[in-house]
Structures are given as structure tokens and as C-alpha cells.
Protein backbone atom coordinates (compact mmCIF):
# COMPACT_ATOMS: atom_id res chain seq x y z
CA MET A 1 6.72 -23.11 -12.91
CA LEU A 2 8.05 -19.76 -14.06
CA GLU A 3 10.84 -17.77 -12.52
CA ILE A 4 10.37 -14.17 -13.58
CA VAL A 5 11.91 -10.78 -12.91
CA VAL A 6 9.37 -7.95 -12.96
CA PRO A 7 9.92 -4.19 -13.11
CA ASP A 8 10.22 -2.51 -9.71
CA GLU A 9 7.13 -0.39 -10.29
CA LEU A 10 4.98 -3.55 -10.21
CA VAL A 11 6.35 -4.74 -6.87
CA SER A 12 4.83 -3.67 -3.56
CA ASN A 13 4.90 -4.44 0.14
CA PHE A 14 2.12 -6.86 1.13
CA SER A 15 1.61 -5.38 4.62
CA THR A 16 1.26 -1.79 3.46
CA TRP A 17 -1.11 -2.87 0.66
CA HIS A 18 -3.78 -3.28 3.37
CA HIS A 19 -3.87 0.50 3.72
CA VAL A 20 -5.01 0.76 0.11
CA LEU A 21 -7.54 -2.05 0.45
CA ASN A 22 -9.09 -0.49 3.54
CA TYR A 23 -8.86 3.14 2.41
CA TRP A 24 -6.47 3.94 5.29
CA TYR A 25 -3.90 6.69 5.35
CA LEU A 26 -0.35 5.30 5.23
CA PRO A 27 1.78 7.51 7.49
CA SER A 28 5.44 8.00 6.76
CA SER A 29 6.33 8.66 10.42
CA GLN A 30 4.83 9.04 13.87
CA GLU A 31 4.61 12.79 13.39
CA ASP A 32 2.87 12.33 10.05
CA PHE A 33 0.41 9.91 11.65
CA GLU A 34 -0.40 12.28 14.51
CA THR A 35 -0.86 15.25 12.18
CA PHE A 36 -3.14 13.41 9.79
CA ASP A 37 -5.11 11.77 12.61
CA LYS A 38 -5.76 15.15 14.24
CA GLU A 39 -6.84 16.70 10.92
CA MET A 40 -9.07 13.74 10.09
CA LYS A 41 -10.82 13.77 13.47
CA GLN A 42 -11.42 17.49 13.12
CA LYS A 43 -12.88 17.11 9.61
CA LEU A 44 -15.11 14.23 10.70
CA THR A 45 -16.40 16.21 13.68
CA GLU A 46 -16.98 19.37 11.63
CA ASN A 47 -18.92 17.41 9.03
CA ASN A 48 -20.71 15.15 11.49
CA VAL A 49 -19.32 12.06 9.76
CA LYS A 50 -18.42 8.81 11.52
CA TYR A 51 -15.01 7.24 10.95
CA VAL A 52 -16.52 4.27 9.11
CA ASP A 53 -18.19 6.73 6.72
CA ARG A 54 -15.06 8.82 6.08
CA LYS A 55 -15.23 8.17 2.33
CA LEU A 56 -18.32 10.39 2.32
CA LEU A 57 -16.32 13.50 3.19
CA LYS A 58 -16.54 15.99 0.34
CA ASP A 59 -13.04 17.37 0.93
CA HIS A 60 -11.00 16.42 -2.16
CA ASN A 61 -7.73 17.43 -0.48
CA TYR A 62 -8.40 14.91 2.28
CA HIS A 63 -8.93 12.10 -0.23
CA ASP A 64 -5.93 13.18 -2.32
CA LYS A 65 -3.74 13.08 0.77
CA ILE A 66 -4.86 9.52 1.57
CA LYS A 67 -4.28 8.33 -1.98
CA LYS A 68 -0.90 10.05 -2.22
CA SER A 69 0.20 8.30 0.99
CA TRP A 70 -0.26 4.97 -0.77
CA ASP A 71 2.83 5.65 -2.89
CA LEU A 72 4.78 4.24 0.06
CA ILE A 73 3.61 0.70 -0.76
CA PHE A 74 6.13 0.76 -3.63
CA ASP A 75 9.02 1.84 -1.40
CA LEU A 76 10.43 -1.52 -0.34
CA ASP A 77 12.84 0.20 2.05
CA PHE A 78 10.00 1.94 3.91
CA TYR A 79 9.54 0.78 7.50
CA PHE A 80 7.33 2.21 10.21
CA LEU A 81 6.76 0.27 13.42
CA PHE A 82 3.20 -1.12 13.75
CA VAL A 83 2.58 -0.54 10.04
CA ASN A 84 4.87 -3.05 8.36
CA GLU A 85 7.93 -5.23 8.86
CA PRO A 86 11.56 -4.36 8.19
CA LYS A 87 12.58 -5.04 4.59
CA GLU A 88 14.35 -8.30 5.47
CA GLN A 89 11.11 -9.68 6.94
CA SER A 90 8.65 -8.18 4.45
CA ALA A 91 6.42 -10.12 2.13
CA ILE A 92 6.83 -8.65 -1.33
CA GLN A 93 4.13 -9.04 -3.96
CA ALA A 94 3.64 -8.20 -7.60
CA THR A 95 0.35 -7.69 -9.33
CA LEU A 96 0.57 -8.41 -13.03
CA TRP A 97 -1.83 -7.87 -15.88
CA GLU A 98 0.47 -9.85 -18.14
CA ILE A 99 3.77 -11.71 -18.06
CA LYS A 100 6.09 -10.47 -20.76
CA ILE A 101 8.45 -12.97 -22.34
CA GLU A 102 11.49 -10.80 -21.52
CA TRP A 103 10.69 -11.17 -17.80
CA VAL A 104 10.96 -14.97 -17.92
CA ARG A 105 14.27 -16.22 -16.54
CA LYS A 106 13.56 -19.92 -16.11
CA ILE A 107 10.84 -22.43 -16.95
CA THR A 108 10.59 -25.60 -14.88
CA PHE A 109 8.21 -28.24 -16.15
CA PHE A 110 6.20 -30.04 -13.52
CA THR A 111 4.83 -33.53 -13.89
CA GLY A 112 2.36 -34.81 -11.32
CA ARG A 113 2.39 -38.38 -10.09
């Protein structure tokens, strides 16, 4: 078993990660949510696109706004009711392409029965 310390930029909040996986907007506040939701509904109606097909919208600003909102997954202090848990209760994850030797703090050898 390895005990490692990884750079902060590789650590994210597990609950907010679902916004990225599902191509959802990650609001920073109730006001932000309401503003984006109103804009999104208007764009979908204007373009005759269903919510489930929202990726088909040709508006690059709309998609950029969604993707930019995902930066919040790396803010471990971020908390918004109904979106994620307070920091003390959050599940924190890291996604690693590699484990660098300088990150390793402890190696515990395991022997099965």
C-alpha cells in the first residue's frame, strides 16, 4: 500500500465531478444557477433543442460557460447546498496518470494469508 501526497491541482471534489461527467453547469451560487438556467432555457427554446440534446447547441459561449464552471471541482472549499457537501464531509479524489517517486511518503507491504 502506498501513502502519497499529490499536488493540489490533481485533487478534486467527488460530488462536483458529476457535473463534468454529465455535462452539467456547476453554479457558484443560487443567483448564478438561476441566471444560467434562465439563459439555457431561452437558448434551448430559441433553437428548438430539448434539454437532453443541449450539447447540440451551436453557441460556443454557452459551452465555454459550462466548461469554465467546472473549475470549481478543484476548489475544495467550495460548497453550495444541493450540489455538494461541506468540506469536512466531502469525498476528495485524485486522478493520476502516474505516481511520481517524490509523492511517495510511505510504503506498507501487504502479505495475504
